[in-house]
Each structure stands twice: as structure tokens, then as C-alpha cells.
């Protein structure tokens, strides 16, 4: 599963709110969709990287759900 937790951490570190992202031209609807955990296109990832001046890994990460479940049962 792809997690966007790094995006929210990056935004906080850079002091960039969702409002500021919108003012920079990023869609508010897309931002809210990301908050809900919906998938996004590579174009959206590219746009976020440009706006936040960061790497893809600062936007999203892979979380292995099966591995998390195994750790909980141990």
C-alpha cells in the first residue's frame, strides 16, 4: 500500500499548508483525495515535487500491509 504520510511530514517541515499549496496552483480536491488515501497520478507526484522542492520519497512510501499484520501476530 502506498502511504502519503511523508507528504504531510514534508509540508509541516517546510511550513506549507494546504491553503498555500492551493495558492501555488495545486488542486484542493486532489489534496483532499490524497488525505483520504486515494491513488494519484505520476503527474500529480511530479507537481508536488516541483512545488515542495523535494524528492518522491518525501511525498510517498510503500508500506507492506502483509508484513505489518505478521508483526502484530508475533
PDB file of N, CA and C in Angstrom:
ATOM      1  N   UNK A   1       0.846  -1.177   0.000  1.00  0.00           N
ATOM      2  CA  UNK A   1       0.000   0.000   0.000  1.00  0.00           C
ATOM      3  C   UNK A   1       0.890   1.239   0.000  1.00  0.00           C
ATOM      4  N   UNK A   2       0.491   2.233  -0.745  1.00  0.00           N
ATOM      5  CA  UNK A   2       1.228   3.491  -0.778  1.00  0.00           C
ATOM      6  C   UNK A   2       0.681   4.405   0.321  1.00  0.00           C
ATOM      7  N   UNK A   3       1.594   4.955   1.091  1.00  0.00           N
ATOM      8  CA  UNK A   3       1.223   5.883   2.162  1.00  0.00           C
ATOM      9  C   UNK A   3       1.719   7.285   1.802  1.00  0.00           C
ATOM     10  N   UNK A   4       0.888   8.268   2.078  1.00  0.00           N
ATOM     11  CA  UNK A   4       1.267   9.663   1.830  1.00  0.00           C
ATOM     12  C   UNK A   4       1.683  10.381   3.106  1.00  0.00           C
ATOM     13  N   UNK A   5       1.942   9.621   4.155  1.00  0.00           N
ATOM     14  CA  UNK A   5       2.406  10.206   5.414  1.00  0.00           C
ATOM     15  C   UNK A   5       3.627  11.103   5.211  1.00  0.00           C
ATOM     16  N   UNK A   6       4.599  10.693   4.359  1.00  0.00           N
ATOM     17  CA  UNK A   6       5.753  11.578   4.144  1.00  0.00           C
ATOM     18  C   UNK A   6       5.375  12.958   3.580  1.00  0.00           C
ATOM     19  N   UNK A   7       4.316  13.023   2.777  1.00  0.00           N
ATOM     20  CA  UNK A   7       3.872  14.307   2.224  1.00  0.00           C
ATOM     21  C   UNK A   7       3.496  15.269   3.340  1.00  0.00           C
ATOM     22  N   UNK A   8       2.693  14.790   4.278  1.00  0.00           N
ATOM     23  CA  UNK A   8       2.226  15.665   5.348  1.00  0.00           C
ATOM     24  C   UNK A   8       3.378  16.072   6.271  1.00  0.00           C
ATOM     25  N   UNK A   9       4.324  15.171   6.453  1.00  0.00           N
ATOM     26  CA  UNK A   9       5.524  15.481   7.245  1.00  0.00           C
ATOM     27  C   UNK A   9       6.369  16.540   6.523  1.00  0.00           C
ATOM     28  N   UNK A  10       6.550  16.373   5.228  1.00  0.00           N
ATOM     29  CA  UNK A  10       7.325  17.326   4.428  1.00  0.00           C
ATOM     30  C   UNK A  10       6.664  18.702   4.445  1.00  0.00           C
ATOM     31  N   UNK A  11       5.348  18.724   4.293  1.00  0.00           N
ATOM     32  CA  UNK A  11       4.631  20.001   4.317  1.00  0.00           C
ATOM     33  C   UNK A  11       4.824  20.695   5.662  1.00  0.00           C
ATOM     34  N   UNK A  12       4.734  19.940   6.730  1.00  0.00           N
ATOM     35  CA  UNK A  12       4.908  20.518   8.066  1.00  0.00           C
ATOM     36  C   UNK A  12       6.325  21.069   8.239  1.00  0.00           C
ATOM     37  N   UNK A  13       7.323  20.286   7.806  1.00  0.00           N
ATOM     38  CA  UNK A  13       8.718  20.718   7.920  1.00  0.00           C
ATOM     39  C   UNK A  13       8.991  21.991   7.118  1.00  0.00           C
ATOM     40  N   UNK A  14       8.320  22.115   5.978  1.00  0.00           N
ATOM     41  CA  UNK A  14       8.536  23.271   5.104  1.00  0.00           C
ATOM     42  C   UNK A  14       7.546  24.400   5.379  1.00  0.00           C
ATOM     43  N   UNK A  15       6.706  24.214   6.392  1.00  0.00           N
ATOM     44  CA  UNK A  15       5.713  25.225   6.760  1.00  0.00           C
ATOM     45  C   UNK A  15       4.782  25.575   5.600  1.00  0.00           C
ATOM     46  N   UNK A  16       4.320  24.556   4.906  1.00  0.00           N
ATOM     47  CA  UNK A  16       3.422  24.761   3.771  1.00  0.00           C
ATOM     48  C   UNK A  16       2.074  24.127   4.092  1.00  0.00           C
ATOM     49  N   UNK A  17       1.057  24.936   4.114  1.00  0.00           N
ATOM     50  CA  UNK A  17      -0.302  24.467   4.396  1.00  0.00           C
ATOM     51  C   UNK A  17      -0.995  24.042   3.103  1.00  0.00           C
ATOM     52  N   UNK A  18      -2.138  23.389   3.250  1.00  0.00           N
ATOM     53  CA  UNK A  18      -2.924  23.028   2.067  1.00  0.00           C
ATOM     54  C   UNK A  18      -3.381  24.297   1.343  1.00  0.00           C
ATOM     55  N   UNK A  19      -3.650  25.345   2.109  1.00  0.00           N
ATOM     56  CA  UNK A  19      -4.040  26.625   1.524  1.00  0.00           C
ATOM     57  C   UNK A  19      -2.921  27.186   0.645  1.00  0.00           C
ATOM     58  N   UNK A  20      -1.697  27.123   1.144  1.00  0.00           N
ATOM     59  CA  UNK A  20      -0.557  27.629   0.368  1.00  0.00           C
ATOM     60  C   UNK A  20      -0.350  26.783  -0.888  1.00  0.00           C
ATOM     61  N   UNK A  21      -0.514  25.458  -0.758  1.00  0.00           N
ATOM     62  CA  UNK A  21      -0.403  24.599  -1.943  1.00  0.00           C
ATOM     63  C   UNK A  21      -1.422  25.013  -2.996  1.00  0.00           C
ATOM     64  N   UNK A  22      -2.641  25.298  -2.546  1.00  0.00           N
ATOM     65  CA  UNK A  22      -3.688  25.728  -3.480  1.00  0.00           C
ATOM     66  C   UNK A  22      -3.295  27.041  -4.163  1.00  0.00           C
ATOM     67  N   UNK A  23      -2.742  27.961  -3.393  1.00  0.00           N
ATOM     68  CA  UNK A  23      -2.314  29.246  -3.964  1.00  0.00           C
ATOM     69  C   UNK A  23      -1.187  29.070  -4.979  1.00  0.00           C
ATOM     70  N   UNK A  24      -0.405  27.983  -4.816  1.00  0.00           N
ATOM     71  CA  UNK A  24       0.680  27.683  -5.753  1.00  0.00           C
ATOM     72  C   UNK A  24       0.167  26.945  -6.995  1.00  0.00           C
ATOM     73  N   UNK A  25      -1.144  26.640  -7.012  1.00  0.00           N
ATOM     74  CA  UNK A  25      -1.737  26.018  -8.187  1.00  0.00           C
ATOM     75  C   UNK A  25      -2.100  24.560  -8.034  1.00  0.00           C
ATOM     76  N   UNK A  26      -1.984  24.016  -6.816  1.00  0.00           N
ATOM     77  CA  UNK A  26      -2.324  22.609  -6.597  1.00  0.00           C
ATOM     78  C   UNK A  26      -3.809  22.500  -6.246  1.00  0.00           C
ATOM     79  N   UNK A  27      -4.470  21.547  -6.860  1.00  0.00           N
ATOM     80  CA  UNK A  27      -5.915  21.368  -6.684  1.00  0.00           C
ATOM     81  C   UNK A  27      -6.270  20.978  -5.251  1.00  0.00           C
ATOM     82  N   UNK A  28      -7.200  21.702  -4.667  1.00  0.00           N
ATOM     83  CA  UNK A  28      -7.672  21.388  -3.317  1.00  0.00           C
ATOM     84  C   UNK A  28      -8.352  20.018  -3.309  1.00  0.00           C
ATOM     85  N   UNK A  29      -9.099  19.708  -4.353  1.00  0.00           N
ATOM     86  CA  UNK A  29      -9.780  18.411  -4.438  1.00  0.00           C
ATOM     87  C   UNK A  29      -8.765  17.266  -4.462  1.00  0.00           C
ATOM     88  N   UNK A  30      -7.669  17.454  -5.164  1.00  0.00           N
ATOM     89  CA  UNK A  30      -6.624  16.431  -5.215  1.00  0.00           C
ATOM     90  C   UNK A  30      -5.981  16.275  -3.844  1.00  0.00           C
ATOM     91  N   UNK A  31      -5.750  17.381  -3.160  1.00  0.00           N
ATOM     92  CA  UNK A  31      -5.169  17.330  -1.823  1.00  0.00           C
ATOM     93  C   UNK A  31      -6.072  16.538  -0.876  1.00  0.00           C
ATOM     94  N   UNK A  32      -7.358  16.811  -0.898  1.00  0.00           N
ATOM     95  CA  UNK A  32      -8.293  16.101  -0.032  1.00  0.00           C
ATOM     96  C   UNK A  32      -8.388  14.625  -0.415  1.00  0.00           C
ATOM     97  N   UNK A  33      -8.260  14.325  -1.694  1.00  0.00           N
ATOM     98  CA  UNK A  33      -8.259  12.947  -2.159  1.00  0.00           C
ATOM     99  C   UNK A  33      -7.042  12.200  -1.604  1.00  0.00           C
ATOM    100  N   UNK A  34      -5.902  12.869  -1.584  1.00  0.00           N
ATOM    101  CA  UNK A  34      -4.683  12.282  -1.017  1.00  0.00           C
ATOM    102  C   UNK A  34      -4.886  12.023   0.472  1.00  0.00           C
ATOM    103  N   UNK A  35      -5.510  12.964   1.158  1.00  0.00           N
ATOM    104  CA  UNK A  35      -5.777  12.784   2.589  1.00  0.00           C
ATOM    105  C   UNK A  35      -6.616  11.540   2.856  1.00  0.00           C
ATOM    106  N   UNK A  36      -7.484  11.201   1.924  1.00  0.00           N
ATOM    107  CA  UNK A  36      -8.352  10.029   2.064  1.00  0.00           C
ATOM    108  C   UNK A  36      -7.631   8.734   1.679  1.00  0.00           C
ATOM    109  N   UNK A  37      -6.383   8.869   1.194  1.00  0.00           N
ATOM    110  CA  UNK A  37      -5.596   7.692   0.828  1.00  0.00           C
ATOM    111  C   UNK A  37      -5.830   7.197  -0.584  1.00  0.00           C
ATOM    112  N   UNK A  38      -6.475   8.018  -1.407  1.00  0.00           N
ATOM    113  CA  UNK A  38      -6.717   7.623  -2.791  1.00  0.00           C
ATOM    114  C   UNK A  38      -5.425   7.704  -3.602  1.00  0.00           C
ATOM    115  N   UNK A  39      -5.395   6.962  -4.692  1.00  0.00           N
ATOM    116  CA  UNK A  39      -4.206   6.960  -5.540  1.00  0.00           C
ATOM    117  C   UNK A  39      -4.119   8.262  -6.337  1.00  0.00           C
ATOM    118  N   UNK A  40      -2.900   8.593  -6.738  1.00  0.00           N
ATOM    119  CA  UNK A  40      -2.665   9.795  -7.541  1.00  0.00           C
ATOM    120  C   UNK A  40      -1.787   9.429  -8.728  1.00  0.00           C
ATOM    121  N   UNK A  41      -1.801  10.264  -9.736  1.00  0.00           N
ATOM    122  CA  UNK A  41      -1.015  10.006 -10.938  1.00  0.00           C
ATOM    123  C   UNK A  41       0.439  10.436 -10.745  1.00  0.00           C
ATOM    124  N   UNK A  42       1.282   9.953 -11.619  1.00  0.00           N
ATOM    125  CA  UNK A  42       2.683  10.381 -11.571  1.00  0.00           C
ATOM    126  C   UNK A  42       2.796  11.869 -11.884  1.00  0.00           C
ATOM    127  N   UNK A  43       1.876  12.407 -12.661  1.00  0.00           N
ATOM    128  CA  UNK A  43       1.882  13.852 -12.929  1.00  0.00           C
ATOM    129  C   UNK A  43       1.639  14.635 -11.641  1.00  0.00           C
ATOM    130  N   UNK A  44       0.757  14.129 -10.789  1.00  0.00           N
ATOM    131  CA  UNK A  44       0.482  14.779  -9.509  1.00  0.00           C
ATOM    132  C   UNK A  44       1.700  14.701  -8.601  1.00  0.00           C
ATOM    133  N   UNK A  45       2.353  13.548  -8.578  1.00  0.00           N
ATOM    134  CA  UNK A  45       3.587  13.400  -7.789  1.00  0.00           C
ATOM    135  C   UNK A  45       4.631  14.395  -8.288  1.00  0.00           C
ATOM    136  N   UNK A  46       4.759  14.491  -9.596  1.00  0.00           N
ATOM    137  CA  UNK A  46       5.702  15.427 -10.206  1.00  0.00           C
ATOM    138  C   UNK A  46       5.388  16.866  -9.793  1.00  0.00           C
ATOM    139  N   UNK A  47       4.119  17.236  -9.838  1.00  0.00           N
ATOM    140  CA  UNK A  47       3.700  18.585  -9.465  1.00  0.00           C
ATOM    141  C   UNK A  47       4.031  18.868  -8.000  1.00  0.00           C
ATOM    142  N   UNK A  48       3.756  17.909  -7.117  1.00  0.00           N
ATOM    143  CA  UNK A  48       4.062  18.091  -5.695  1.00  0.00           C
ATOM    144  C   UNK A  48       5.568  18.243  -5.472  1.00  0.00           C
ATOM    145  N   UNK A  49       6.360  17.422  -6.151  1.00  0.00           N
ATOM    146  CA  UNK A  49       7.820  17.516  -6.012  1.00  0.00           C
ATOM    147  C   UNK A  49       8.330  18.889  -6.448  1.00  0.00           C
ATOM    148  N   UNK A  50       7.768  19.406  -7.534  1.00  0.00           N
ATOM    149  CA  UNK A  50       8.169  20.737  -8.004  1.00  0.00           C
ATOM    150  C   UNK A  50       7.765  21.821  -7.010  1.00  0.00           C
ATOM    151  N   UNK A  51       6.521  21.769  -6.556  1.00  0.00           N
ATOM    152  CA  UNK A  51       6.020  22.797  -5.642  1.00  0.00           C
ATOM    153  C   UNK A  51       6.735  22.771  -4.294  1.00  0.00           C
ATOM    154  N   UNK A  52       7.016  21.565  -3.791  1.00  0.00           N
ATOM    155  CA  UNK A  52       7.632  21.429  -2.471  1.00  0.00           C
ATOM    156  C   UNK A  52       9.165  21.361  -2.540  1.00  0.00           C
ATOM    157  N   UNK A  53       9.679  21.314  -3.778  1.00  0.00           N
ATOM    158  CA  UNK A  53      11.130  21.202  -3.993  1.00  0.00           C
ATOM    159  C   UNK A  53      11.693  20.034  -3.179  1.00  0.00           C
ATOM    160  N   UNK A  54      11.165  18.842  -3.498  1.00  0.00           N
ATOM    161  CA  UNK A  54      11.559  17.648  -2.751  1.00  0.00           C
ATOM    162  C   UNK A  54      11.620  16.437  -3.677  1.00  0.00           C
ATOM    163  N   UNK A  55      11.983  15.316  -3.094  1.00  0.00           N
ATOM    164  CA  UNK A  55      12.075  14.050  -3.813  1.00  0.00           C
ATOM    165  C   UNK A  55      10.769  13.271  -3.680  1.00  0.00           C
ATOM    166  N   UNK A  56      10.596  12.268  -4.537  1.00  0.00           N
ATOM    167  CA  UNK A  56       9.399  11.423  -4.498  1.00  0.00           C
ATOM    168  C   UNK A  56       9.254  10.775  -3.117  1.00  0.00           C
ATOM    169  N   UNK A  57      10.362  10.359  -2.528  1.00  0.00           N
ATOM    170  CA  UNK A  57      10.310   9.706  -1.209  1.00  0.00           C
ATOM    171  C   UNK A  57       9.840  10.656  -0.110  1.00  0.00           C
ATOM    172  N   UNK A  58       9.852  11.959  -0.390  1.00  0.00           N
ATOM    173  CA  UNK A  58       9.324  12.939   0.560  1.00  0.00           C
ATOM    174  C   UNK A  58       7.810  13.106   0.421  1.00  0.00           C
ATOM    175  N   UNK A  59       7.241  12.440  -0.591  1.00  0.00           N
ATOM    176  CA  UNK A  59       5.811  12.537  -0.892  1.00  0.00           C
ATOM    177  C   UNK A  59       5.081  11.258  -0.480  1.00  0.00           C
ATOM    178  N   UNK A  60       5.708  10.118  -0.773  1.00  0.00           N
ATOM    179  CA  UNK A  60       5.025   8.854  -0.530  1.00  0.00           C
ATOM    180  C   UNK A  60       6.017   7.745  -0.223  1.00  0.00           C
ATOM    181  N   UNK A  61       5.473   6.654   0.368  1.00  0.00           N
ATOM    182  CA  UNK A  61       6.293   5.492   0.675  1.00  0.00           C
ATOM    183  C   UNK A  61       5.449   4.234   0.542  1.00  0.00           C
ATOM    184  N   UNK A  62       6.113   3.114   0.330  1.00  0.00           N
ATOM    185  CA  UNK A  62       5.425   1.829   0.271  1.00  0.00           C
ATOM    186  C   UNK A  62       5.400   1.232   1.667  1.00  0.00           C
ATOM    187  N   UNK A  63       4.206   0.792   2.083  1.00  0.00           N
ATOM    188  CA  UNK A  63       4.043   0.119   3.367  1.00  0.00           C
ATOM    189  C   UNK A  63       3.490  -1.268   3.068  1.00  0.00           C
ATOM    190  N   UNK A  64       4.232  -2.295   3.459  1.00  0.00           N
ATOM    191  CA  UNK A  64       3.819  -3.674   3.212  1.00  0.00           C
ATOM    192  C   UNK A  64       2.793  -4.080   4.265  1.00  0.00           C
ATOM    193  N   UNK A  65       1.537  -4.133   3.871  1.00  0.00           N
ATOM    194  CA  UNK A  65       0.443  -4.459   4.795  1.00  0.00           C
ATOM    195  C   UNK A  65       0.581  -5.873   5.356  1.00  0.00           C
ATOM    196  N   UNK A  66       1.031  -6.818   4.535  1.00  0.00           N
ATOM    197  CA  UNK A  66       1.193  -8.196   4.993  1.00  0.00           C
ATOM    198  C   UNK A  66       2.252  -8.272   6.092  1.00  0.00           C
ATOM    199  N   UNK A  67       3.329  -7.534   5.920  1.00  0.00           N
ATOM    200  CA  UNK A  67       4.399  -7.526   6.913  1.00  0.00           C
ATOM    201  C   UNK A  67       3.916  -6.916   8.231  1.00  0.00           C
ATOM    202  N   UNK A  68       3.107  -5.863   8.138  1.00  0.00           N
ATOM    203  CA  UNK A  68       2.556  -5.242   9.349  1.00  0.00           C
ATOM    204  C   UNK A  68       1.668  -6.230  10.104  1.00  0.00           C
ATOM    205  N   UNK A  69       0.865  -7.004   9.380  1.00  0.00           N
ATOM    206  CA  UNK A  69      -0.019  -7.982  10.002  1.00  0.00           C
ATOM    207  C   UNK A  69       0.797  -9.075  10.697  1.00  0.00           C
ATOM    208  N   UNK A  70       1.875  -9.518  10.054  1.00  0.00           N
ATOM    209  CA  UNK A  70       2.728 -10.557  10.641  1.00  0.00           C
ATOM    210  C   UNK A  70       3.364 -10.065  11.935  1.00  0.00           C
ATOM    211  N   UNK A  71       3.788  -8.808  11.954  1.00  0.00           N
ATOM    212  CA  UNK A  71       4.422  -8.253  13.146  1.00  0.00           C
ATOM    213  C   UNK A  71       3.437  -8.171  14.309  1.00  0.00           C
ATOM    214  N   UNK A  72       2.191  -7.895  14.015  1.00  0.00           N
ATOM    215  CA  UNK A  72       1.175  -7.776  15.062  1.00  0.00           C
ATOM    216  C   UNK A  72       0.860  -9.133  15.702  1.00  0.00           C
ATOM    217  N   UNK A  73       0.946 -10.214  14.910  1.00  0.00           N
ATOM    218  CA  UNK A  73       0.614 -11.538  15.423  1.00  0.00           C
ATOM    219  C   UNK A  73       1.768 -12.178  16.190  1.00  0.00           C
ATOM    220  N   UNK A  74       2.953 -11.643  16.061  1.00  0.00           N
ATOM    221  CA  UNK A  74       4.115 -12.233  16.743  1.00  0.00           C
ATOM    222  C   UNK A  74       4.186 -11.815  18.193  1.00  0.00           C
TER     223      UNK A  74
END
